Each structure stands twice: as structure tokens, then as C-alpha cells.
């Protein structure tokens, strides 16, 4: 993986360990010569992961729609800043620039980004590894809900297992590097992927 998109909150939340993990993730990506692609903000968890990478000399690409430029206060020290017209174009650009996806704690927007990427993978539109950095069990309840979806027949077990989860940066990156994607569904054509 040469680049990873990180989805996370524009707020800092209340768990200091989440911020520590975000900085560590950014630093680890930089040390591994992996480009960080993220939402361009200098605030919240987003700002911490970017600063962690930048402090170690990493390459950081921020992607932000023009209407969020003031609200999310874009980071002035980025390697590259890409401004999009809307949120959909933002997610598409982030996806295009990345070889893998990691989700840190965040709110509705973070979940929406995660679920769009995992849905695209389920449909066979990409085969990139998708991970959750589950700091202090932040996503435990969500994972329990996903398991309930499996037991009640709304989600296939193999699609649930596409989502890689670990509480440590090193453990998650190892799982992502070792990830073997499911075969593409027979109804997906090569030009659709």
C-alpha cells in the first residue's frame, strides 16, 4: 500500500487516547512511506492524524469540498490540497488516491464514509482493505450491531469479515497488508471495477 485514506472526526471527542492513536497512525504511515489521504482539516482527530504524519516528514494529501473550507479549517501545511465541488466528489477523489481505507472515531460523516466504502467493496467495485482502528473499544457497539445483521440474515458473514478491526496501529496495518479480497461477483464486469 502506497497510500491510505483515513476517515475520522473533525471534533476531538472526549477520549484523549483517540488523539494519541491518531497522531501515532499519521507518524506510522509517514515512517512507512505511505501517503496519508484525508479530509484536509487542521482541527479534530483529522488534524491530529495529519500532524502526526507531517511531523515525521510524511506526504499528506487533503481533499475538501469548497463549502467546508472555512468550517473545517483546512490544514495549511499539507503536501497537496485538492478542493472539490461537493461531498460525493470528495469521497470519489479520496478513494481514487488510496490503496486502503482506515476509519478512526468520528460522527455521522465518518460512518457514512466508512459504509460507502464497505458497500462499494461488497458490490465488487473495489478490493482495497478497509480497517477500523478501534481505540478503547470505540466501535464495539457498532461491531455488535453488524454481527446482529449477520445472525439475522441481513449481512453475509464473508462481507462482515471484509472489515478489518484492531485496537493497535501496528496490528491493523499488518491485517491490511495481509488482506486477501473476496473474488469479484460474477455479475461485475472488469470495466465497472
C-alpha atoms as a PDB file:
ATOM      1  CA  UNK A   1       0.000   0.000   0.000  1.00  0.00           C
ATOM      2  CA  UNK A   2       1.451   3.318  -1.085  1.00  0.00           C
ATOM      3  CA  UNK A   3      -1.414   5.466   0.185  1.00  0.00           C
ATOM      4  CA  UNK A   4      -4.188   5.136   2.760  1.00  0.00           C
ATOM      5  CA  UNK A   5      -7.272   7.289   3.184  1.00  0.00           C
ATOM      6  CA  UNK A   6      -8.220   7.960   6.796  1.00  0.00           C
ATOM      7  CA  UNK A   7     -11.791   8.830   7.739  1.00  0.00           C
ATOM      8  CA  UNK A   8     -12.258  10.415  11.172  1.00  0.00           C
ATOM      9  CA  UNK A   9     -13.906  13.216  13.104  1.00  0.00           C
ATOM     10  CA  UNK A  10     -13.432  16.950  12.724  1.00  0.00           C
ATOM     11  CA  UNK A  11     -14.008  17.081  16.505  1.00  0.00           C
ATOM     12  CA  UNK A  12     -11.551  15.839  19.119  1.00  0.00           C
ATOM     13  CA  UNK A  13     -14.102  13.912  21.165  1.00  0.00           C
ATOM     14  CA  UNK A  14     -13.607  13.240  24.872  1.00  0.00           C
ATOM     15  CA  UNK A  15     -11.154  10.309  24.880  1.00  0.00           C
ATOM     16  CA  UNK A  16      -7.570  11.617  24.828  1.00  0.00           C
ATOM     17  CA  UNK A  17      -6.330   8.170  23.743  1.00  0.00           C
ATOM     18  CA  UNK A  18      -8.156   8.612  20.426  1.00  0.00           C
ATOM     19  CA  UNK A  19      -5.984  11.669  19.719  1.00  0.00           C
ATOM     20  CA  UNK A  20      -2.833   9.786  20.725  1.00  0.00           C
ATOM     21  CA  UNK A  21      -3.781   6.946  18.354  1.00  0.00           C
ATOM     22  CA  UNK A  22      -4.463   9.419  15.543  1.00  0.00           C
ATOM     23  CA  UNK A  23      -1.020  11.013  15.905  1.00  0.00           C
ATOM     24  CA  UNK A  24       0.585   7.570  16.057  1.00  0.00           C
ATOM     25  CA  UNK A  25      -1.247   6.438  12.920  1.00  0.00           C
ATOM     26  CA  UNK A  26      -0.087   9.504  10.993  1.00  0.00           C
ATOM     27  CA  UNK A  27       3.508   9.050  12.193  1.00  0.00           C
ATOM     28  CA  UNK A  28       3.497   5.328  11.390  1.00  0.00           C
ATOM     29  CA  UNK A  29       2.217   5.963   7.866  1.00  0.00           C
ATOM     30  CA  UNK A  30       4.943   8.566   7.303  1.00  0.00           C
ATOM     31  CA  UNK A  31       7.651   6.256   8.669  1.00  0.00           C
ATOM     32  CA  UNK A  32       6.403   3.515   6.326  1.00  0.00           C
ATOM     33  CA  UNK A  33       6.495   5.901   3.357  1.00  0.00           C
ATOM     34  CA  UNK A  34       2.709   5.615   2.977  1.00  0.00           C
ATOM     35  CA  UNK A  35       0.911   8.752   1.799  1.00  0.00           C
ATOM     36  CA  UNK A  36      -1.931   9.913   4.041  1.00  0.00           C
ATOM     37  CA  UNK A  37      -5.102  10.977   2.229  1.00  0.00           C
ATOM     38  CA  UNK A  38      -7.716  12.612   4.448  1.00  0.00           C
ATOM     39  CA  UNK A  39     -10.320  15.385   4.719  1.00  0.00           C
ATOM     40  CA  UNK A  40      -7.827  18.304   4.867  1.00  0.00           C
ATOM     41  CA  UNK A  41      -8.828  19.782   8.258  1.00  0.00           C
ATOM     42  CA  UNK A  42      -6.349  21.032  10.846  1.00  0.00           C
ATOM     43  CA  UNK A  43      -8.911  20.535  13.633  1.00  0.00           C
ATOM     44  CA  UNK A  44     -10.194  17.474  15.481  1.00  0.00           C
ATOM     45  CA  UNK A  45      -8.984  13.919  15.044  1.00  0.00           C
ATOM     46  CA  UNK A  46      -8.365  14.793  11.386  1.00  0.00           C
ATOM     47  CA  UNK A  47      -5.831  17.450  12.334  1.00  0.00           C
ATOM     48  CA  UNK A  48      -4.031  15.095  14.727  1.00  0.00           C
ATOM     49  CA  UNK A  49      -3.535  12.326  12.177  1.00  0.00           C
ATOM     50  CA  UNK A  50      -2.257  14.844   9.607  1.00  0.00           C
ATOM     51  CA  UNK A  51       0.109  16.500  12.072  1.00  0.00           C
ATOM     52  CA  UNK A  52       1.446  13.099  13.125  1.00  0.00           C
ATOM     53  CA  UNK A  53       2.382  12.383   9.502  1.00  0.00           C
ATOM     54  CA  UNK A  54       3.722  15.861   8.752  1.00  0.00           C
ATOM     55  CA  UNK A  55       5.905  15.893  11.885  1.00  0.00           C
ATOM     56  CA  UNK A  56       7.650  12.755  10.553  1.00  0.00           C
ATOM     57  CA  UNK A  57       8.117  14.244   7.082  1.00  0.00           C
ATOM     58  CA  UNK A  58       5.272  12.282   5.509  1.00  0.00           C
ATOM     59  CA  UNK A  59       3.315  13.118   2.400  1.00  0.00           C
ATOM     60  CA  UNK A  60      -0.221  14.309   3.245  1.00  0.00           C
ATOM     61  CA  UNK A  61      -2.956  14.981   0.694  1.00  0.00           C
ATOM     62  CA  UNK A  62      -6.068  16.801   1.909  1.00  0.00           C
ATOM     63  CA  UNK A  63      -9.333  16.640  -0.026  1.00  0.00           C
ATOM     64  CA  UNK A  64     -12.110  19.060   0.905  1.00  0.00           C
ATOM     65  CA  UNK A  65     -15.230  20.480  -0.755  1.00  0.00           C
ATOM     66  CA  UNK A  66     -15.127  24.241  -1.150  1.00  0.00           C
ATOM     67  CA  UNK A  67     -18.110  24.819   1.178  1.00  0.00           C
ATOM     68  CA  UNK A  68     -16.222  23.205   4.089  1.00  0.00           C
ATOM     69  CA  UNK A  69     -13.040  25.248   3.646  1.00  0.00           C
ATOM     70  CA  UNK A  70     -13.968  27.611   6.491  1.00  0.00           C
ATOM     71  CA  UNK A  71     -15.956  25.240   8.740  1.00  0.00           C
ATOM     72  CA  UNK A  72     -13.279  22.536   8.914  1.00  0.00           C
ATOM     73  CA  UNK A  73     -10.365  24.997   8.725  1.00  0.00           C
ATOM     74  CA  UNK A  74      -8.049  23.299   6.230  1.00  0.00           C
ATOM     75  CA  UNK A  75      -4.501  22.484   7.277  1.00  0.00           C
ATOM     76  CA  UNK A  76      -2.020  24.993   5.770  1.00  0.00           C
ATOM     77  CA  UNK A  77       0.965  22.599   5.887  1.00  0.00           C
ATOM     78  CA  UNK A  78      -0.323  19.896   3.547  1.00  0.00           C
ATOM     79  CA  UNK A  79       1.771  18.413   0.768  1.00  0.00           C
ATOM     80  CA  UNK A  80      -1.219  18.842  -1.539  1.00  0.00           C
ATOM     81  CA  UNK A  81      -4.700  20.316  -1.136  1.00  0.00           C
ATOM     82  CA  UNK A  82      -7.467  19.228  -3.503  1.00  0.00           C
ATOM     83  CA  UNK A  83     -10.701  21.233  -3.496  1.00  0.00           C
ATOM     84  CA  UNK A  84     -13.834  19.510  -4.785  1.00  0.00           C
ATOM     85  CA  UNK A  85     -17.283  20.822  -5.658  1.00  0.00           C
ATOM     86  CA  UNK A  86     -19.218  18.559  -3.282  1.00  0.00           C
ATOM     87  CA  UNK A  87     -19.031  15.702  -0.780  1.00  0.00           C
ATOM     88  CA  UNK A  88     -19.558  12.937  -3.333  1.00  0.00           C
ATOM     89  CA  UNK A  89     -16.687  14.209  -5.478  1.00  0.00           C
ATOM     90  CA  UNK A  90     -14.566  14.407  -2.303  1.00  0.00           C
ATOM     91  CA  UNK A  91     -15.157  10.731  -1.426  1.00  0.00           C
ATOM     92  CA  UNK A  92     -14.573   9.632  -5.005  1.00  0.00           C
ATOM     93  CA  UNK A  93     -11.260  11.525  -5.135  1.00  0.00           C
ATOM     94  CA  UNK A  94     -10.147  10.109  -1.765  1.00  0.00           C
ATOM     95  CA  UNK A  95     -10.985   6.621  -2.993  1.00  0.00           C
ATOM     96  CA  UNK A  96      -9.073   7.147  -6.250  1.00  0.00           C
ATOM     97  CA  UNK A  97      -5.970   8.340  -4.379  1.00  0.00           C
ATOM     98  CA  UNK A  98      -5.835   5.456  -1.887  1.00  0.00           C
ATOM     99  CA  UNK A  99      -4.820   1.802  -1.759  1.00  0.00           C
ATOM    100  CA  UNK A 100      -6.532   1.185   1.587  1.00  0.00           C
ATOM    101  CA  UNK A 101      -9.042   2.730   3.989  1.00  0.00           C
ATOM    102  CA  UNK A 102      -8.815   3.270   7.756  1.00  0.00           C
ATOM    103  CA  UNK A 103     -11.560   4.640   9.971  1.00  0.00           C
ATOM    104  CA  UNK A 104     -10.883   6.292  13.316  1.00  0.00           C
ATOM    105  CA  UNK A 105     -13.534   7.583  15.730  1.00  0.00           C
ATOM    106  CA  UNK A 106     -15.889  10.229  14.386  1.00  0.00           C
ATOM    107  CA  UNK A 107     -19.543  11.057  13.897  1.00  0.00           C
ATOM    108  CA  UNK A 108     -22.165  10.677  11.183  1.00  0.00           C
ATOM    109  CA  UNK A 109     -19.847  11.792   8.390  1.00  0.00           C
ATOM    110  CA  UNK A 110     -17.168   9.286   9.386  1.00  0.00           C
ATOM    111  CA  UNK A 111     -19.690   6.441   9.481  1.00  0.00           C
ATOM    112  CA  UNK A 112     -21.163   7.490   6.143  1.00  0.00           C
ATOM    113  CA  UNK A 113     -17.705   7.420   4.531  1.00  0.00           C
ATOM    114  CA  UNK A 114     -16.893   4.018   6.047  1.00  0.00           C
ATOM    115  CA  UNK A 115     -20.182   2.475   4.985  1.00  0.00           C
ATOM    116  CA  UNK A 116     -19.974   3.817   1.453  1.00  0.00           C
ATOM    117  CA  UNK A 117     -16.510   2.284   1.025  1.00  0.00           C
ATOM    118  CA  UNK A 118     -17.526  -1.076   2.543  1.00  0.00           C
ATOM    119  CA  UNK A 119     -20.668  -1.117   0.378  1.00  0.00           C
ATOM    120  CA  UNK A 120     -18.566  -0.490  -2.735  1.00  0.00           C
ATOM    121  CA  UNK A 121     -16.311  -3.388  -1.682  1.00  0.00           C
ATOM    122  CA  UNK A 122     -19.326  -5.646  -1.064  1.00  0.00           C
ATOM    123  CA  UNK A 123     -20.561  -4.832  -4.569  1.00  0.00           C
ATOM    124  CA  UNK A 124     -17.130  -5.644  -6.001  1.00  0.00           C
ATOM    125  CA  UNK A 125     -16.398  -2.070  -7.104  1.00  0.00           C
ATOM    126  CA  UNK A 126     -13.004  -2.212  -5.348  1.00  0.00           C
ATOM    127  CA  UNK A 127     -10.881  -4.751  -3.469  1.00  0.00           C
ATOM    128  CA  UNK A 128      -8.998  -2.434  -1.119  1.00  0.00           C
ATOM    129  CA  UNK A 129      -8.548  -3.387   2.534  1.00  0.00           C
ATOM    130  CA  UNK A 130     -10.865  -1.493   4.888  1.00  0.00           C
ATOM    131  CA  UNK A 131      -9.920  -1.175   8.538  1.00  0.00           C
ATOM    132  CA  UNK A 132     -11.239   0.249  11.780  1.00  0.00           C
ATOM    133  CA  UNK A 133      -8.775   1.442  14.414  1.00  0.00           C
ATOM    134  CA  UNK A 134     -10.929   0.550  17.410  1.00  0.00           C
ATOM    135  CA  UNK A 135      -9.251   2.695  20.074  1.00  0.00           C
ATOM    136  CA  UNK A 136     -10.542   1.902  23.572  1.00  0.00           C
ATOM    137  CA  UNK A 137     -13.403  -0.084  22.052  1.00  0.00           C
ATOM    138  CA  UNK A 138     -14.981   2.980  20.430  1.00  0.00           C
ATOM    139  CA  UNK A 139     -16.588   0.846  17.704  1.00  0.00           C
ATOM    140  CA  UNK A 140     -17.555  -2.168  19.870  1.00  0.00           C
ATOM    141  CA  UNK A 141     -21.286  -1.373  19.773  1.00  0.00           C
ATOM    142  CA  UNK A 142     -21.232  -0.836  16.005  1.00  0.00           C
ATOM    143  CA  UNK A 143     -19.436  -4.155  15.507  1.00  0.00           C
ATOM    144  CA  UNK A 144     -22.033  -5.874  17.707  1.00  0.00           C
ATOM    145  CA  UNK A 145     -24.771  -4.397  15.502  1.00  0.00           C
ATOM    146  CA  UNK A 146     -23.021  -5.674  12.368  1.00  0.00           C
ATOM    147  CA  UNK A 147     -22.771  -9.169  13.903  1.00  0.00           C
ATOM    148  CA  UNK A 148     -26.512  -8.978  14.663  1.00  0.00           C
ATOM    149  CA  UNK A 149     -27.092  -8.143  10.987  1.00  0.00           C
ATOM    150  CA  UNK A 150     -25.218 -11.358  10.121  1.00  0.00           C
ATOM    151  CA  UNK A 151     -27.163 -13.541  12.581  1.00  0.00           C
ATOM    152  CA  UNK A 152     -30.472 -12.109  11.379  1.00  0.00           C
ATOM    153  CA  UNK A 153     -29.666 -12.680   7.713  1.00  0.00           C
ATOM    154  CA  UNK A 154     -29.153  -9.092   6.525  1.00  0.00           C
ATOM    155  CA  UNK A 155     -25.388  -9.300   6.029  1.00  0.00           C
ATOM    156  CA  UNK A 156     -23.305 -12.184   4.725  1.00  0.00           C
ATOM    157  CA  UNK A 157     -20.590 -13.370   7.096  1.00  0.00           C
ATOM    158  CA  UNK A 158     -17.915 -13.007   4.398  1.00  0.00           C
ATOM    159  CA  UNK A 159     -18.939  -9.370   3.881  1.00  0.00           C
ATOM    160  CA  UNK A 160     -18.770  -8.710   7.634  1.00  0.00           C
ATOM    161  CA  UNK A 161     -15.274 -10.253   7.635  1.00  0.00           C
ATOM    162  CA  UNK A 162     -14.107  -7.818   4.937  1.00  0.00           C
ATOM    163  CA  UNK A 163     -13.994  -5.189   7.674  1.00  0.00           C
ATOM    164  CA  UNK A 164     -10.623  -5.464   9.446  1.00  0.00           C
ATOM    165  CA  UNK A 165     -10.541  -4.365  13.081  1.00  0.00           C
ATOM    166  CA  UNK A 166      -7.708  -3.882  15.561  1.00  0.00           C
ATOM    167  CA  UNK A 167      -7.020  -1.736  18.620  1.00  0.00           C
ATOM    168  CA  UNK A 168      -3.425  -1.021  17.597  1.00  0.00           C
ATOM    169  CA  UNK A 169      -1.970   0.805  14.624  1.00  0.00           C
ATOM    170  CA  UNK A 170       0.595  -1.935  14.001  1.00  0.00           C
ATOM    171  CA  UNK A 171      -1.963  -4.730  14.245  1.00  0.00           C
ATOM    172  CA  UNK A 172      -4.373  -3.036  11.865  1.00  0.00           C
ATOM    173  CA  UNK A 173      -1.710  -2.240   9.265  1.00  0.00           C
ATOM    174  CA  UNK A 174      -0.493  -5.862   9.416  1.00  0.00           C
ATOM    175  CA  UNK A 175      -4.037  -7.137   8.798  1.00  0.00           C
ATOM    176  CA  UNK A 176      -4.432  -4.704   5.903  1.00  0.00           C
ATOM    177  CA  UNK A 177      -1.154  -5.771   4.271  1.00  0.00           C
ATOM    178  CA  UNK A 178      -2.151  -9.449   4.577  1.00  0.00           C
ATOM    179  CA  UNK A 179      -5.733  -8.882   3.344  1.00  0.00           C
ATOM    180  CA  UNK A 180      -6.974 -11.220   0.634  1.00  0.00           C
ATOM    181  CA  UNK A 181     -10.062  -9.765  -1.077  1.00  0.00           C
ATOM    182  CA  UNK A 182     -13.090 -11.840  -1.932  1.00  0.00           C
ATOM    183  CA  UNK A 183     -13.380 -12.860  -5.595  1.00  0.00           C
ATOM    184  CA  UNK A 184     -15.331 -10.378  -7.672  1.00  0.00           C
ATOM    185  CA  UNK A 185     -19.018 -11.262  -8.061  1.00  0.00           C
ATOM    186  CA  UNK A 186     -19.750 -12.937 -11.402  1.00  0.00           C
ATOM    187  CA  UNK A 187     -22.189 -10.163 -12.373  1.00  0.00           C
ATOM    188  CA  UNK A 188     -19.497  -7.441 -12.116  1.00  0.00           C
ATOM    189  CA  UNK A 189     -17.639  -6.663 -15.334  1.00  0.00           C
ATOM    190  CA  UNK A 190     -13.945  -5.624 -15.292  1.00  0.00           C
ATOM    191  CA  UNK A 191     -14.724  -2.131 -16.630  1.00  0.00           C
ATOM    192  CA  UNK A 192     -17.061  -1.488 -13.660  1.00  0.00           C
ATOM    193  CA  UNK A 193     -14.343  -2.002 -11.053  1.00  0.00           C
END
